PDB file of N, CA and C in Angstrom:
ATOM      1  N   MET A   1      88.960 111.038  75.813  1.00  0.00           N
ATOM      2  CA  MET A   1      90.097 111.308  76.674  1.00  0.00           C
ATOM      3  C   MET A   1      90.767 109.984  77.025  1.00  0.00           C
ATOM      4  N   LYS A   2      92.099 109.981  76.907  1.00  0.00           N
ATOM      5  CA  LYS A   2      92.898 108.826  77.315  1.00  0.00           C
ATOM      6  C   LYS A   2      93.984 109.316  78.266  1.00  0.00           C
ATOM      7  N   VAL A   3      94.387 108.459  79.191  1.00  0.00           N
ATOM      8  CA  VAL A   3      95.426 108.827  80.156  1.00  0.00           C
ATOM      9  C   VAL A   3      96.457 107.712  80.292  1.00  0.00           C
ATOM     10  N   LYS A   4      97.624 108.104  80.754  1.00  0.00           N
ATOM     11  CA  LYS A   4      98.644 107.124  81.118  1.00  0.00           C
ATOM     12  C   LYS A   4      99.428 107.694  82.292  1.00  0.00           C
ATOM     13  N   VAL A   5     100.112 106.810  83.007  1.00  0.00           N
ATOM     14  CA  VAL A   5     100.920 107.202  84.154  1.00  0.00           C
ATOM     15  C   VAL A   5     102.380 106.921  83.828  1.00  0.00           C
ATOM     16  N   ASN A   6     103.210 107.944  83.932  1.00  0.00           N
ATOM     17  CA  ASN A   6     104.642 107.799  83.732  1.00  0.00           C
ATOM     18  C   ASN A   6     105.208 107.113  84.976  1.00  0.00           C
ATOM     19  N   GLN A   7     105.589 105.861  84.823  1.00  0.00           N
ATOM     20  CA  GLN A   7     106.070 105.070  85.957  1.00  0.00           C
ATOM     21  C   GLN A   7     107.356 105.615  86.569  1.00  0.00           C
ATOM     22  N   GLU A   8     108.171 106.266  85.773  1.00  0.00           N
ATOM     23  CA  GLU A   8     109.416 106.833  86.299  1.00  0.00           C
ATOM     24  C   GLU A   8     109.164 108.068  87.151  1.00  0.00           C
ATOM     25  N   ALA A   9     108.066 108.770  86.894  1.00  0.00           N
ATOM     26  CA  ALA A   9     107.752 109.986  87.646  1.00  0.00           C
ATOM     27  C   ALA A   9     106.865 109.720  88.852  1.00  0.00           C
ATOM     28  N   CYS A  10     106.098 108.637  88.829  1.00  0.00           N
ATOM     29  CA  CYS A  10     105.143 108.350  89.899  1.00  0.00           C
ATOM     30  C   CYS A  10     105.865 108.000  91.191  1.00  0.00           C
ATOM     31  N   ILE A  11     105.410 108.620  92.300  1.00  0.00           N
ATOM     32  CA  ILE A  11     105.985 108.328  93.622  1.00  0.00           C
ATOM     33  C   ILE A  11     105.041 107.481  94.470  1.00  0.00           C
ATOM     34  N   GLY A  12     103.906 107.116  93.918  1.00  0.00           N
ATOM     35  CA  GLY A  12     102.983 106.233  94.614  1.00  0.00           C
ATOM     36  C   GLY A  12     102.265 106.863  95.790  1.00  0.00           C
ATOM     37  N   CYS A  13     102.003 108.155  95.723  1.00  0.00           N
ATOM     38  CA  CYS A  13     101.341 108.826  96.848  1.00  0.00           C
ATOM     39  C   CYS A  13      99.881 108.414  96.993  1.00  0.00           C
ATOM     40  N   GLY A  14      99.270 107.961  95.911  1.00  0.00           N
ATOM     41  CA  GLY A  14      97.898 107.479  95.964  1.00  0.00           C
ATOM     42  C   GLY A  14      96.824 108.540  95.824  1.00  0.00           C
ATOM     43  N   ALA A  15      97.206 109.783  95.561  1.00  0.00           N
ATOM     44  CA  ALA A  15      96.203 110.846  95.413  1.00  0.00           C
ATOM     45  C   ALA A  15      95.231 110.527  94.282  1.00  0.00           C
ATOM     46  N   CYS A  16      95.741 110.032  93.173  1.00  0.00           N
ATOM     47  CA  CYS A  16      94.878 109.734  92.032  1.00  0.00           C
ATOM     48  C   CYS A  16      93.877 108.633  92.365  1.00  0.00           C
ATOM     49  N   VAL A  17      94.322 107.650  93.118  1.00  0.00           N
ATOM     50  CA  VAL A  17      93.432 106.560  93.521  1.00  0.00           C
ATOM     51  C   VAL A  17      92.341 107.095  94.438  1.00  0.00           C
ATOM     52  N   ALA A  18      92.716 107.966  95.366  1.00  0.00           N
ATOM     53  CA  ALA A  18      91.738 108.550  96.291  1.00  0.00           C
ATOM     54  C   ALA A  18      90.718 109.411  95.548  1.00  0.00           C
ATOM     55  N   ILE A  19      91.155 110.094  94.503  1.00  0.00           N
ATOM     56  CA  ILE A  19      90.273 110.991  93.755  1.00  0.00           C
ATOM     57  C   ILE A  19      89.419 110.236  92.742  1.00  0.00           C
ATOM     58  N   CYS A  20      90.009 109.251  92.085  1.00  0.00           N
ATOM     59  CA  CYS A  20      89.303 108.552  90.998  1.00  0.00           C
ATOM     60  C   CYS A  20      89.675 107.069  90.998  1.00  0.00           C
ATOM     61  N   GLU A  21      89.189 106.348  92.006  1.00  0.00           N
ATOM     62  CA  GLU A  21      89.553 104.943  92.139  1.00  0.00           C
ATOM     63  C   GLU A  21      89.009 104.065  91.020  1.00  0.00           C
ATOM     64  N   ASP A  22      88.026 104.567  90.273  1.00  0.00           N
ATOM     65  CA  ASP A  22      87.522 103.811  89.134  1.00  0.00           C
ATOM     66  C   ASP A  22      88.522 103.775  87.982  1.00  0.00           C
ATOM     67  N   MET A  23      89.449 104.736  87.970  1.00  0.00           N
ATOM     68  CA  MET A  23      90.406 104.832  86.868  1.00  0.00           C
ATOM     69  C   MET A  23      91.837 104.457  87.246  1.00  0.00           C
ATOM     70  N   PHE A  24      92.202 104.593  88.511  1.00  0.00           N
ATOM     71  CA  PHE A  24      93.595 104.377  88.916  1.00  0.00           C
ATOM     72  C   PHE A  24      93.693 103.376  90.056  1.00  0.00           C
ATOM     73  N   GLU A  25      94.810 102.652  90.082  1.00  0.00           N
ATOM     74  CA  GLU A  25      95.108 101.737  91.165  1.00  0.00           C
ATOM     75  C   GLU A  25      96.616 101.681  91.353  1.00  0.00           C
ATOM     76  N   LEU A  26      97.038 101.241  92.534  1.00  0.00           N
ATOM     77  CA  LEU A  26      98.462 101.063  92.779  1.00  0.00           C
ATOM     78  C   LEU A  26      98.838  99.641  92.396  1.00  0.00           C
ATOM     79  N   ASN A  27      99.955  99.506  91.689  1.00  0.00           N
ATOM     80  CA  ASN A  27     100.405  98.188  91.270  1.00  0.00           C
ATOM     81  C   ASN A  27     101.273  97.543  92.357  1.00  0.00           C
ATOM     82  N   ASP A  28     101.833  96.383  92.078  1.00  0.00           N
ATOM     83  CA  ASP A  28     102.652  95.656  93.050  1.00  0.00           C
ATOM     84  C   ASP A  28     103.916  96.407  93.449  1.00  0.00           C
ATOM     85  N   GLU A  29     104.371  97.315  92.595  1.00  0.00           N
ATOM     86  CA  GLU A  29     105.556  98.121  92.899  1.00  0.00           C
ATOM     87  C   GLU A  29     105.200  99.370  93.704  1.00  0.00           C
ATOM     88  N   GLY A  30     103.906  99.606  93.921  1.00  0.00           N
ATOM     89  CA  GLY A  30     103.473 100.754  94.703  1.00  0.00           C
ATOM     90  C   GLY A  30     103.284 102.026  93.912  1.00  0.00           C
ATOM     91  N   THR A  31     103.337 101.924  92.592  1.00  0.00           N
ATOM     92  CA  THR A  31     103.091 103.100  91.761  1.00  0.00           C
ATOM     93  C   THR A  31     101.725 102.980  91.103  1.00  0.00           C
ATOM     94  N   SER A  32     101.217 104.093  90.664  1.00  0.00           N
ATOM     95  CA  SER A  32      99.887 104.143  90.085  1.00  0.00           C
ATOM     96  C   SER A  32      99.902 103.683  88.639  1.00  0.00           C
ATOM     97  N   VAL A  33      98.806 103.054  88.255  1.00  0.00           N
ATOM     98  CA  VAL A  33      98.576 102.698  86.857  1.00  0.00           C
ATOM     99  C   VAL A  33      97.128 103.018  86.522  1.00  0.00           C
ATOM    100  N   ALA A  34      96.891 103.350  85.274  1.00  0.00           N
ATOM    101  CA  ALA A  34      95.520 103.540  84.804  1.00  0.00           C
ATOM    102  C   ALA A  34      94.923 102.159  84.576  1.00  0.00           C
ATOM    103  N   LYS A  35      93.747 101.932  85.123  1.00  0.00           N
ATOM    104  CA  LYS A  35      93.089 100.637  84.937  1.00  0.00           C
ATOM    105  C   LYS A  35      92.772 100.396  83.472  1.00  0.00           C
ATOM    106  N   THR A  36      92.467 101.460  82.775  1.00  0.00           N
ATOM    107  CA  THR A  36      92.242 101.440  81.331  1.00  0.00           C
ATOM    108  C   THR A  36      92.635 102.816  80.804  1.00  0.00           C
ATOM    109  N   PRO A  37      93.232 102.902  79.632  1.00  0.00           N
ATOM    110  CA  PRO A  37      93.619 104.227  79.131  1.00  0.00           C
ATOM    111  C   PRO A  37      92.428 105.096  78.727  1.00  0.00           C
ATOM    112  N   GLU A  38      91.339 104.464  78.314  1.00  0.00           N
ATOM    113  CA  GLU A  38      90.160 105.197  77.856  1.00  0.00           C
ATOM    114  C   GLU A  38      89.317 105.640  79.045  1.00  0.00           C
ATOM    115  N   VAL A  39      89.077 106.938  79.166  1.00  0.00           N
ATOM    116  CA  VAL A  39      88.307 107.490  80.282  1.00  0.00           C
ATOM    117  C   VAL A  39      86.851 107.647  79.864  1.00  0.00           C
ATOM    118  N   PRO A  40      85.934 106.970  80.567  1.00  0.00           N
ATOM    119  CA  PRO A  40      84.511 107.140  80.241  1.00  0.00           C
ATOM    120  C   PRO A  40      84.064 108.581  80.497  1.00  0.00           C
ATOM    121  N   ASP A  41      83.057 109.011  79.772  1.00  0.00           N
ATOM    122  CA  ASP A  41      82.576 110.389  79.903  1.00  0.00           C
ATOM    123  C   ASP A  41      82.235 110.756  81.339  1.00  0.00           C
ATOM    124  N   ASP A  42      81.638 109.833  82.079  1.00  0.00           N
ATOM    125  CA  ASP A  42      81.215 110.146  83.439  1.00  0.00           C
ATOM    126  C   ASP A  42      82.376 110.193  84.442  1.00  0.00           C
ATOM    127  N   LYS A  43      83.581 109.865  84.008  1.00  0.00           N
ATOM    128  CA  LYS A  43      84.761 109.892  84.879  1.00  0.00           C
ATOM    129  C   LYS A  43      85.762 110.978  84.483  1.00  0.00           C
ATOM    130  N   LYS A  44      85.460 111.715  83.426  1.00  0.00           N
ATOM    131  CA  LYS A  44      86.414 112.708  82.913  1.00  0.00           C
ATOM    132  C   LYS A  44      86.742 113.802  83.926  1.00  0.00           C
ATOM    133  N   GLU A  45      85.747 114.309  84.630  1.00  0.00           N
ATOM    134  CA  GLU A  45      86.000 115.376  85.591  1.00  0.00           C
ATOM    135  C   GLU A  45      86.874 114.884  86.742  1.00  0.00           C
ATOM    136  N   ALA A  46      86.549 113.720  87.290  1.00  0.00           N
ATOM    137  CA  ALA A  46      87.345 113.164  88.386  1.00  0.00           C
ATOM    138  C   ALA A  46      88.755 112.821  87.908  1.00  0.00           C
ATOM    139  N   CYS A  47      88.865 112.317  86.701  1.00  0.00           N
ATOM    140  CA  CYS A  47      90.175 111.990  86.142  1.00  0.00           C
ATOM    141  C   CYS A  47      91.013 113.254  85.958  1.00  0.00           C
ATOM    142  N   GLN A  48      90.395 114.327  85.485  1.00  0.00           N
ATOM    143  CA  GLN A  48      91.114 115.595  85.340  1.00  0.00           C
ATOM    144  C   GLN A  48      91.562 116.112  86.701  1.00  0.00           C
ATOM    145  N   ASP A  49      90.727 115.940  87.725  1.00  0.00           N
ATOM    146  CA  ASP A  49      91.113 116.327  89.079  1.00  0.00           C
ATOM    147  C   ASP A  49      92.339 115.536  89.537  1.00  0.00           C
ATOM    148  N   ALA A  50      92.371 114.243  89.206  1.00  0.00           N
ATOM    149  CA  ALA A  50      93.528 113.414  89.559  1.00  0.00           C
ATOM    150  C   ALA A  50      94.784 113.888  88.839  1.00  0.00           C
ATOM    151  N   ILE A  51      94.649 114.222  87.561  1.00  0.00           N
ATOM    152  CA  ILE A  51      95.781 114.749  86.791  1.00  0.00           C
ATOM    153  C   ILE A  51      96.298 116.034  87.439  1.00  0.00           C
ATOM    154  N   ASP A  52      95.380 116.930  87.760  1.00  0.00           N
ATOM    155  CA  ASP A  52      95.756 118.216  88.345  1.00  0.00           C
ATOM    156  C   ASP A  52      96.350 118.079  89.740  1.00  0.00           C
ATOM    157  N   SER A  53      95.979 117.023  90.458  1.00  0.00           N
ATOM    158  CA  SER A  53      96.432 116.831  91.838  1.00  0.00           C
ATOM    159  C   SER A  53      97.721 116.035  91.960  1.00  0.00           C
ATOM    160  N   CYS A  54      98.174 115.430  90.890  1.00  0.00           N
ATOM    161  CA  CYS A  54      99.388 114.609  90.952  1.00  0.00           C
ATOM    162  C   CYS A  54     100.591 115.491  91.283  1.00  0.00           C
ATOM    163  N   PRO A  55     101.273 115.216  92.406  1.00  0.00           N
ATOM    164  CA  PRO A  55     102.374 116.090  92.819  1.00  0.00           C
ATOM    165  C   PRO A  55     103.588 116.050  91.897  1.00  0.00           C
ATOM    166  N   THR A  56     103.720 114.998  91.104  1.00  0.00           N
ATOM    167  CA  THR A  56     104.873 114.913  90.209  1.00  0.00           C
ATOM    168  C   THR A  56     104.511 115.081  88.741  1.00  0.00           C
ATOM    169  N   GLY A  57     103.222 115.267  88.456  1.00  0.00           N
ATOM    170  CA  GLY A  57     102.798 115.400  87.065  1.00  0.00           C
ATOM    171  C   GLY A  57     102.935 114.105  86.287  1.00  0.00           C
ATOM    172  N   ALA A  58     102.874 112.969  86.992  1.00  0.00           N
ATOM    173  CA  ALA A  58     103.085 111.676  86.352  1.00  0.00           C
ATOM    174  C   ALA A  58     101.918 111.233  85.471  1.00  0.00           C
ATOM    175  N   ILE A  59     100.726 111.750  85.741  1.00  0.00           N
ATOM    176  CA  ILE A  59      99.562 111.367  84.949  1.00  0.00           C
ATOM    177  C   ILE A  59      99.412 112.354  83.804  1.00  0.00           C
ATOM    178  N   VAL A  60      99.358 111.810  82.608  1.00  0.00           N
ATOM    179  CA  VAL A  60      99.241 112.671  81.436  1.00  0.00           C
ATOM    180  C   VAL A  60      98.073 112.246  80.562  1.00  0.00           C
ATOM    181  N   GLU A  61      97.457 113.239  79.933  1.00  0.00           N
ATOM    182  CA  GLU A  61      96.411 112.949  78.966  1.00  0.00           C
ATOM    183  C   GLU A  61      97.079 112.662  77.630  1.00  0.00           C
ATOM    184  N   ILE A  62      96.664 111.600  76.999  1.00  0.00           N
ATOM    185  CA  ILE A  62      97.175 111.248  75.688  1.00  0.00           C
ATOM    186  C   ILE A  62      96.336 111.987  74.657  1.00  0.00           C
ATOM    187  N   LYS A  63      96.961 112.950  74.000  1.00  0.00           N
ATOM    188  CA  LYS A  63      96.236 113.801  73.053  1.00  0.00           C
ATOM    189  C   LYS A  63      96.134 113.160  71.671  1.00  0.00           C
ATOM    190  N   ASP A  64      97.132 112.396  71.278  1.00  0.00           N
ATOM    191  CA  ASP A  64      97.075 111.688  70.002  1.00  0.00           C
ATOM    192  C   ASP A  64      97.982 110.473  70.086  1.00  0.00           C
ATOM    193  N   GLU A  65      98.057 109.714  69.047  1.00  0.00           N
ATOM    194  CA  GLU A  65      98.804 108.464  69.046  1.00  0.00           C
ATOM    195  C   GLU A  65     100.310 108.633  69.172  1.00  0.00           C
ATOM    196  N   SER A  66     100.833 109.834  68.970  1.00  0.00           N
ATOM    197  CA  SER A  66     102.282 110.028  69.062  1.00  0.00           C
ATOM    198  C   SER A  66     102.755 110.226  70.501  1.00  0.00           C
ATOM    199  N   ASN A  67     101.834 110.398  71.473  1.00  0.00           N
ATOM    200  CA  ASN A  67     102.221 110.581  72.884  1.00  0.00           C
ATOM    201  C   ASN A  67     102.502 109.263  73.543  1.00  0.00           C
TER     202      ASN A  67
END
């Protein structure tokens, strides 16, 4: 599983950081970024919760290289 955050859609609410701080952080602009695109197996459930909880749908799973 890989993830990325659409910077144009992110409003910086911090829900993803609160849910999965090992994978997400707020940058200097106040929007979320994935610390690494590759999600370790032990973080997949929390990362999926963050994706599902994002109010703007800014966090997306990268399904293949064309995304």
